[in-house]
Amino acid sequence: MKNLLVLILLLLSSVLAEAQVAIINDKDGFTNVRKQPNGQAEIIYRISSNEVFWYGTEEDNGEWITVYIPKNKFSFSSTQPDYLQGFIHKSRLLHLEKVRPYKGSDFSFEYVIAPFNLKNRIVDKQKDKWVTEIDGRPVWGTDGNFPKTQVKAVKVKIAGQLVSISKAFYEDIYECTNTFKIYQNGDTYFVYQWNSDGAGSYQIVWVFTKAGLKQRLVGSLI
């Protein structure tokens, strides 16, 4: 049973290891996700404009490509992928790195980073050895060890206005840096980066509009 569980976790992680982040390119403002790679297959989801998701790079389905839609728009789950798998037409896919890089002055993003503090924290461990949760949340950025750094706050400003970011959106991400890429599509900003302690790599994308935080996509890579 243990070997089967390890195999399942490795397969799920390998999906994201081969996946990249994208948004849709569709003048209708949405794209249908189908159960099978053809235009007559059942529609199981609709991706909206500026909604980020993963897509596979190794799939060969002709004019269709496999996509992985996060089930929770803020990745409030475990450090294992939790997604809906389906297919979209390749013409509707826009790799995030193909989106226009942001070079303006009306948007800013910054982590306030501090050394990890273990005081008064509730820690869950596997076999009393590997850290699996801290304060009931997943531990992004480590490979079973205690983090070295933690995020104390996230500072975001759009058009001169501060955007309030709840602690719930950053208390599970560790080993962050203030090195990232920012993209803009219309009135939406995307902050994209990889973070890790050297082994526990993870991918994070923050999505903002003037209305505030719209999505947080988090995924792991082994």
C-alpha atoms as a PDB file:
ATOM      1  CA  MET A   1       0.000   0.000   0.000  1.00  0.00           C
ATOM      2  CA  LYS A   2       2.873   2.340   0.884  1.00  0.00           C
ATOM      3  CA  ASN A   3       4.576   1.711  -2.466  1.00  0.00           C
ATOM      4  CA  LEU A   4       1.311   2.413  -4.310  1.00  0.00           C
ATOM      5  CA  LEU A   5       0.904   5.744  -2.483  1.00  0.00           C
ATOM      6  CA  VAL A   6       4.466   6.777  -3.336  1.00  0.00           C
ATOM      7  CA  LEU A   7       3.858   5.902  -6.997  1.00  0.00           C
ATOM      8  CA  ILE A   8       0.655   7.969  -7.114  1.00  0.00           C
ATOM      9  CA  LEU A   9       2.383  10.996  -5.587  1.00  0.00           C
ATOM     10  CA  LEU A  10       5.272  10.736  -8.035  1.00  0.00           C
ATOM     11  CA  LEU A  11       2.892  10.539 -10.991  1.00  0.00           C
ATOM     12  CA  LEU A  12       0.916  13.563  -9.820  1.00  0.00           C
ATOM     13  CA  SER A  13       4.074  15.581  -9.247  1.00  0.00           C
ATOM     14  CA  SER A  14       5.465  14.619 -12.650  1.00  0.00           C
ATOM     15  CA  VAL A  15       2.358  16.118 -14.280  1.00  0.00           C
ATOM     16  CA  LEU A  16       3.260  19.555 -12.983  1.00  0.00           C
ATOM     17  CA  ALA A  17       6.947  18.979 -13.682  1.00  0.00           C
ATOM     18  CA  GLU A  18       5.995  18.805 -17.368  1.00  0.00           C
ATOM     19  CA  ALA A  19       3.322  21.503 -17.191  1.00  0.00           C
ATOM     20  CA  GLN A  20       3.496  25.216 -17.875  1.00  0.00           C
ATOM     21  CA  VAL A  21       1.239  28.133 -16.979  1.00  0.00           C
ATOM     22  CA  ALA A  22      -1.107  29.733 -19.485  1.00  0.00           C
ATOM     23  CA  ILE A  23      -4.181  31.903 -19.941  1.00  0.00           C
ATOM     24  CA  ILE A  24      -6.665  31.739 -22.812  1.00  0.00           C
ATOM     25  CA  ASN A  25      -6.630  33.659 -26.063  1.00  0.00           C
ATOM     26  CA  ASP A  26     -10.305  33.929 -26.939  1.00  0.00           C
ATOM     27  CA  LYS A  27     -12.279  37.011 -28.052  1.00  0.00           C
ATOM     28  CA  ASP A  28     -15.429  35.511 -26.498  1.00  0.00           C
ATOM     29  CA  GLY A  29     -13.917  35.910 -23.035  1.00  0.00           C
ATOM     30  CA  PHE A  30     -14.032  32.193 -22.254  1.00  0.00           C
ATOM     31  CA  THR A  31     -12.919  28.834 -23.649  1.00  0.00           C
ATOM     32  CA  ASN A  32     -14.649  25.497 -23.274  1.00  0.00           C
ATOM     33  CA  VAL A  33     -12.733  22.671 -21.605  1.00  0.00           C
ATOM     34  CA  ARG A  34     -13.820  19.329 -23.044  1.00  0.00           C
ATOM     35  CA  LYS A  35     -13.662  15.844 -21.603  1.00  0.00           C
ATOM     36  CA  GLN A  36     -12.017  14.427 -24.747  1.00  0.00           C
ATOM     37  CA  PRO A  37      -9.800  16.071 -27.429  1.00  0.00           C
ATOM     38  CA  ASN A  38     -12.537  16.882 -29.945  1.00  0.00           C
ATOM     39  CA  GLY A  39     -15.130  19.584 -30.531  1.00  0.00           C
ATOM     40  CA  GLN A  40     -18.102  17.283 -29.897  1.00  0.00           C
ATOM     41  CA  ALA A  41     -16.943  16.050 -26.489  1.00  0.00           C
ATOM     42  CA  GLU A  42     -18.735  17.009 -23.273  1.00  0.00           C
ATOM     43  CA  ILE A  43     -17.943  20.467 -21.902  1.00  0.00           C
ATOM     44  CA  ILE A  44     -16.734  20.045 -18.320  1.00  0.00           C
ATOM     45  CA  TYR A  45     -15.579  23.591 -17.553  1.00  0.00           C
ATOM     46  CA  ARG A  46     -15.221  27.080 -19.014  1.00  0.00           C
ATOM     47  CA  ILE A  47     -11.949  28.968 -18.538  1.00  0.00           C
ATOM     48  CA  SER A  48     -12.460  32.729 -18.273  1.00  0.00           C
ATOM     49  CA  SER A  49     -10.109  35.403 -19.591  1.00  0.00           C
ATOM     50  CA  ASN A  50      -7.036  35.973 -17.382  1.00  0.00           C
ATOM     51  CA  GLU A  51      -7.653  32.796 -15.395  1.00  0.00           C
ATOM     52  CA  VAL A  52      -4.333  30.941 -15.018  1.00  0.00           C
ATOM     53  CA  PHE A  53      -4.005  27.183 -15.371  1.00  0.00           C
ATOM     54  CA  TRP A  54      -1.466  24.518 -16.291  1.00  0.00           C
ATOM     55  CA  TYR A  55      -1.132  22.802 -19.623  1.00  0.00           C
ATOM     56  CA  GLY A  56       0.863  19.721 -20.623  1.00  0.00           C
ATOM     57  CA  THR A  57       3.869  19.988 -22.914  1.00  0.00           C
ATOM     58  CA  GLU A  58       4.265  16.316 -23.740  1.00  0.00           C
ATOM     59  CA  GLU A  59       0.757  15.536 -24.891  1.00  0.00           C
ATOM     60  CA  ASP A  60       0.095  14.873 -28.587  1.00  0.00           C
ATOM     61  CA  ASN A  61      -3.598  15.263 -29.349  1.00  0.00           C
ATOM     62  CA  GLY A  62      -3.415  16.926 -32.741  1.00  0.00           C
ATOM     63  CA  GLU A  63      -5.087  20.330 -32.469  1.00  0.00           C
ATOM     64  CA  TRP A  64      -5.977  19.794 -28.823  1.00  0.00           C
ATOM     65  CA  ILE A  65      -3.907  20.129 -25.687  1.00  0.00           C
ATOM     66  CA  THR A  66      -4.351  18.791 -22.156  1.00  0.00           C
ATOM     67  CA  VAL A  67      -5.063  21.382 -19.470  1.00  0.00           C
ATOM     68  CA  TYR A  68      -5.129  21.095 -15.687  1.00  0.00           C
ATOM     69  CA  ILE A  69      -7.588  23.459 -14.001  1.00  0.00           C
ATOM     70  CA  PRO A  70      -6.991  24.057 -10.276  1.00  0.00           C
ATOM     71  CA  LYS A  71     -10.080  23.108  -8.300  1.00  0.00           C
ATOM     72  CA  ASN A  72      -9.449  25.901  -5.823  1.00  0.00           C
ATOM     73  CA  LYS A  73      -8.692  29.372  -7.226  1.00  0.00           C
ATOM     74  CA  PHE A  74      -6.354  30.148  -4.340  1.00  0.00           C
ATOM     75  CA  SER A  75      -4.653  26.737  -4.039  1.00  0.00           C
ATOM     76  CA  PHE A  76      -5.952  26.170  -0.515  1.00  0.00           C
ATOM     77  CA  SER A  77      -5.207  22.474  -0.413  1.00  0.00           C
ATOM     78  CA  SER A  78      -2.259  20.170   0.204  1.00  0.00           C
ATOM     79  CA  THR A  79       1.100  20.257  -1.567  1.00  0.00           C
ATOM     80  CA  GLN A  80      -0.185  17.710  -4.044  1.00  0.00           C
ATOM     81  CA  PRO A  81      -1.865  18.856  -7.268  1.00  0.00           C
ATOM     82  CA  ASP A  82      -5.648  19.146  -7.085  1.00  0.00           C
ATOM     83  CA  TYR A  83      -7.043  19.810 -10.531  1.00  0.00           C
ATOM     84  CA  LEU A  84      -9.646  19.059 -13.191  1.00  0.00           C
ATOM     85  CA  GLN A  85      -8.108  17.571 -16.338  1.00  0.00           C
ATOM     86  CA  GLY A  86      -9.533  18.274 -19.788  1.00  0.00           C
ATOM     87  CA  PHE A  87      -8.730  19.537 -23.289  1.00  0.00           C
ATOM     88  CA  ILE A  88      -8.856  22.853 -25.140  1.00  0.00           C
ATOM     89  CA  HIS A  89      -8.053  23.724 -28.743  1.00  0.00           C
ATOM     90  CA  LYS A  90      -4.428  24.814 -29.132  1.00  0.00           C
ATOM     91  CA  SER A  91      -5.487  28.042 -30.850  1.00  0.00           C
ATOM     92  CA  ARG A  92      -7.114  29.165 -27.589  1.00  0.00           C
ATOM     93  CA  LEU A  93      -3.971  28.794 -25.478  1.00  0.00           C
ATOM     94  CA  LEU A  94      -1.594  31.639 -24.603  1.00  0.00           C
ATOM     95  CA  HIS A  95       1.538  30.762 -22.635  1.00  0.00           C
ATOM     96  CA  LEU A  96       1.965  33.189 -19.743  1.00  0.00           C
ATOM     97  CA  GLU A  97       5.479  34.052 -20.919  1.00  0.00           C
ATOM     98  CA  LYS A  98       3.961  35.250 -24.209  1.00  0.00           C
ATOM     99  CA  VAL A  99       1.879  37.826 -22.347  1.00  0.00           C
ATOM    100  CA  ARG A 100       3.227  41.389 -22.448  1.00  0.00           C
ATOM    101  CA  PRO A 101       5.872  41.978 -19.745  1.00  0.00           C
ATOM    102  CA  TYR A 102       4.832  44.730 -17.373  1.00  0.00           C
ATOM    103  CA  LYS A 103       7.101  47.795 -17.446  1.00  0.00           C
ATOM    104  CA  GLY A 104       4.883  50.470 -15.945  1.00  0.00           C
ATOM    105  CA  SER A 105       4.837  52.258 -12.608  1.00  0.00           C
ATOM    106  CA  ASP A 106       1.225  51.859 -11.459  1.00  0.00           C
ATOM    107  CA  PHE A 107       1.659  48.319 -10.102  1.00  0.00           C
ATOM    108  CA  SER A 108       4.077  47.081  -7.449  1.00  0.00           C
ATOM    109  CA  PHE A 109       4.489  43.790  -5.570  1.00  0.00           C
ATOM    110  CA  GLU A 110       6.829  42.923  -2.707  1.00  0.00           C
ATOM    111  CA  TYR A 111       7.205  40.260  -0.021  1.00  0.00           C
ATOM    112  CA  VAL A 112       8.205  41.203   3.511  1.00  0.00           C
ATOM    113  CA  ILE A 113      10.476  38.285   4.385  1.00  0.00           C
ATOM    114  CA  ALA A 114      11.783  37.225   7.798  1.00  0.00           C
ATOM    115  CA  PRO A 115      13.641  34.247   9.290  1.00  0.00           C
ATOM    116  CA  PHE A 116      11.308  31.346  10.050  1.00  0.00           C
ATOM    117  CA  ASN A 117      10.001  31.503  13.618  1.00  0.00           C
ATOM    118  CA  LEU A 118       9.000  28.209  15.224  1.00  0.00           C
ATOM    119  CA  LYS A 119       7.688  29.807  18.429  1.00  0.00           C
ATOM    120  CA  ASN A 120       4.080  28.848  19.226  1.00  0.00           C
ATOM    121  CA  ARG A 121       3.639  27.012  15.909  1.00  0.00           C
ATOM    122  CA  ILE A 122       1.724  23.725  15.546  1.00  0.00           C
ATOM    123  CA  VAL A 123       3.810  21.323  13.472  1.00  0.00           C
ATOM    124  CA  ASP A 124       2.681  18.020  11.963  1.00  0.00           C
ATOM    125  CA  LYS A 125       5.325  15.497  10.962  1.00  0.00           C
ATOM    126  CA  GLN A 126       5.389  12.225   9.084  1.00  0.00           C
ATOM    127  CA  LYS A 127       6.968   9.488  11.195  1.00  0.00           C
ATOM    128  CA  ASP A 128       8.027  12.220  13.650  1.00  0.00           C
ATOM    129  CA  LYS A 129      10.639  13.313  11.110  1.00  0.00           C
ATOM    130  CA  TRP A 130       9.382  15.089   7.979  1.00  0.00           C
ATOM    131  CA  VAL A 131       7.436  18.321   8.342  1.00  0.00           C
ATOM    132  CA  THR A 132       4.104  18.037   6.500  1.00  0.00           C
ATOM    133  CA  GLU A 133       2.044  20.927   7.893  1.00  0.00           C
ATOM    134  CA  ILE A 134       2.581  24.059   9.959  1.00  0.00           C
ATOM    135  CA  ASP A 135      -0.450  25.523  11.731  1.00  0.00           C
ATOM    136  CA  GLY A 136      -2.661  23.170   9.740  1.00  0.00           C
ATOM    137  CA  ARG A 137      -1.428  24.440   6.356  1.00  0.00           C
ATOM    138  CA  PRO A 138       0.800  22.857   3.687  1.00  0.00           C
ATOM    139  CA  VAL A 139       4.485  23.795   3.652  1.00  0.00           C
ATOM    140  CA  TRP A 140       5.423  25.082   0.193  1.00  0.00           C
ATOM    141  CA  GLY A 141       9.145  25.463  -0.452  1.00  0.00           C
ATOM    142  CA  THR A 142      10.779  22.724   1.600  1.00  0.00           C
ATOM    143  CA  ASP A 143      11.364  19.018   1.164  1.00  0.00           C
ATOM    144  CA  GLY A 144      10.316  17.895   4.615  1.00  0.00           C
ATOM    145  CA  ASN A 145      12.602  20.187   6.630  1.00  0.00           C
ATOM    146  CA  PHE A 146      11.729  23.318   8.571  1.00  0.00           C
ATOM    147  CA  PRO A 147      11.696  26.452   6.391  1.00  0.00           C
ATOM    148  CA  LYS A 148      14.527  28.950   6.655  1.00  0.00           C
ATOM    149  CA  THR A 149      12.395  31.989   5.818  1.00  0.00           C
ATOM    150  CA  GLN A 150       8.728  32.952   5.990  1.00  0.00           C
ATOM    151  CA  VAL A 151       6.554  35.713   4.530  1.00  0.00           C
ATOM    152  CA  LYS A 152       5.450  38.310   7.067  1.00  0.00           C
ATOM    153  CA  ALA A 153       3.389  40.382   4.623  1.00  0.00           C
ATOM    154  CA  VAL A 154       2.694  40.964   0.933  1.00  0.00           C
ATOM    155  CA  LYS A 155       2.716  44.586  -0.209  1.00  0.00           C
ATOM    156  CA  VAL A 156       0.725  45.315  -3.365  1.00  0.00           C
ATOM    157  CA  LYS A 157      -0.144  48.688  -4.823  1.00  0.00           C
ATOM    158  CA  ILE A 158      -2.252  49.378  -7.924  1.00  0.00           C
ATOM    159  CA  ALA A 159      -2.717  52.888  -9.284  1.00  0.00           C
ATOM    160  CA  GLY A 160      -1.525  54.350  -5.993  1.00  0.00           C
ATOM    161  CA  GLN A 161      -3.914  52.261  -3.892  1.00  0.00           C
ATOM    162  CA  LEU A 162      -2.757  49.608  -1.433  1.00  0.00           C
ATOM    163  CA  VAL A 163      -4.311  46.175  -1.936  1.00  0.00           C
ATOM    164  CA  SER A 164      -4.982  44.298   1.294  1.00  0.00           C
ATOM    165  CA  ILE A 165      -3.656  40.722   1.285  1.00  0.00           C
ATOM    166  CA  SER A 166      -4.891  38.430   4.046  1.00  0.00           C
ATOM    167  CA  LYS A 167      -2.373  36.298   5.935  1.00  0.00           C
ATOM    168  CA  ALA A 168      -4.254  33.238   4.696  1.00  0.00           C
ATOM    169  CA  PHE A 169      -2.775  33.803   1.223  1.00  0.00           C
ATOM    170  CA  TYR A 170       0.874  33.760   2.298  1.00  0.00           C
ATOM    171  CA  GLU A 171       1.139  31.767   5.530  1.00  0.00           C
ATOM    172  CA  ASP A 172       1.733  28.502   3.627  1.00  0.00           C
ATOM    173  CA  ILE A 173       4.466  29.756   1.245  1.00  0.00           C
ATOM    174  CA  TYR A 174       8.101  29.717   2.365  1.00  0.00           C
ATOM    175  CA  GLU A 175      11.588  30.368   0.955  1.00  0.00           C
ATOM    176  CA  CYS A 176      10.223  33.265  -1.119  1.00  0.00           C
ATOM    177  CA  THR A 177      12.379  35.896  -2.788  1.00  0.00           C
ATOM    178  CA  ASN A 178      11.620  39.236  -4.380  1.00  0.00           C
ATOM    179  CA  THR A 179      12.780  37.987  -7.755  1.00  0.00           C
ATOM    180  CA  PHE A 180       9.840  37.434 -10.084  1.00  0.00           C
ATOM    181  CA  LYS A 181       8.379  38.283 -13.483  1.00  0.00           C
ATOM    182  CA  ILE A 182       5.346  40.531 -13.902  1.00  0.00           C
ATOM    183  CA  TYR A 183       3.022  40.381 -16.911  1.00  0.00           C
ATOM    184  CA  GLN A 184      -0.003  42.468 -17.868  1.00  0.00           C
ATOM    185  CA  ASN A 185      -3.018  41.572 -19.972  1.00  0.00           C
ATOM    186  CA  GLY A 186      -5.615  44.321 -20.142  1.00  0.00           C
ATOM    187  CA  ASP A 187      -6.390  45.389 -16.577  1.00  0.00           C
ATOM    188  CA  THR A 188      -4.927  42.207 -15.064  1.00  0.00           C
ATOM    189  CA  TYR A 189      -1.434  41.770 -13.581  1.00  0.00           C
ATOM    190  CA  PHE A 190       0.358  38.435 -13.146  1.00  0.00           C
ATOM    191  CA  VAL A 191       3.267  37.938 -10.723  1.00  0.00           C
ATOM    192  CA  TYR A 192       5.122  34.722 -11.594  1.00  0.00           C
ATOM    193  CA  GLN A 193       8.023  32.970  -9.854  1.00  0.00           C
ATOM    194  CA  TRP A 194       9.631  29.776  -8.596  1.00  0.00           C
ATOM    195  CA  ASN A 195      10.660  29.431  -4.927  1.00  0.00           C
ATOM    196  CA  SER A 196      12.482  26.683  -3.030  1.00  0.00           C
ATOM    197  CA  ASP A 197      15.004  25.745  -0.347  1.00  0.00           C
ATOM    198  CA  GLY A 198      17.016  23.977  -3.045  1.00  0.00           C
ATOM    199  CA  ALA A 199      14.879  20.831  -3.162  1.00  0.00           C
ATOM    200  CA  GLY A 200      11.248  21.721  -2.469  1.00  0.00           C
ATOM    201  CA  SER A 201      10.631  23.821  -5.580  1.00  0.00           C
ATOM    202  CA  TYR A 202       7.200  25.261  -6.233  1.00  0.00           C
ATOM    203  CA  GLN A 203       5.629  27.577  -8.772  1.00  0.00           C
ATOM    204  CA  ILE A 204       3.395  30.481  -7.782  1.00  0.00           C
ATOM    205  CA  VAL A 205       1.320  32.927  -9.830  1.00  0.00           C
ATOM    206  CA  TRP A 206      -0.502  35.855  -8.241  1.00  0.00           C
ATOM    207  CA  VAL A 207      -3.299  37.426 -10.311  1.00  0.00           C
ATOM    208  CA  PHE A 208      -4.505  40.957  -9.537  1.00  0.00           C
ATOM    209  CA  THR A 209      -6.885  43.596 -10.856  1.00  0.00           C
ATOM    210  CA  LYS A 210      -7.835  46.930  -9.296  1.00  0.00           C
ATOM    211  CA  ALA A 211     -10.533  44.992  -7.446  1.00  0.00           C
ATOM    212  CA  GLY A 212      -7.840  43.002  -5.624  1.00  0.00           C
ATOM    213  CA  LEU A 213      -6.483  39.463  -5.629  1.00  0.00           C
ATOM    214  CA  LYS A 214      -8.353  37.324  -8.181  1.00  0.00           C
ATOM    215  CA  GLN A 215      -6.369  34.076  -8.084  1.00  0.00           C
ATOM    216  CA  ARG A 216      -3.321  32.386  -6.563  1.00  0.00           C
ATOM    217  CA  LEU A 217      -1.945  29.373  -8.417  1.00  0.00           C
ATOM    218  CA  VAL A 218       0.576  27.206  -6.552  1.00  0.00           C
ATOM    219  CA  GLY A 219       2.181  23.988  -7.790  1.00  0.00           C
ATOM    220  CA  SER A 220       5.132  21.756  -6.968  1.00  0.00           C
ATOM    221  CA  LEU A 221       8.001  20.396  -9.013  1.00  0.00           C
ATOM    222  CA  ILE A 222      10.317  17.505  -8.120  1.00  0.00           C
END
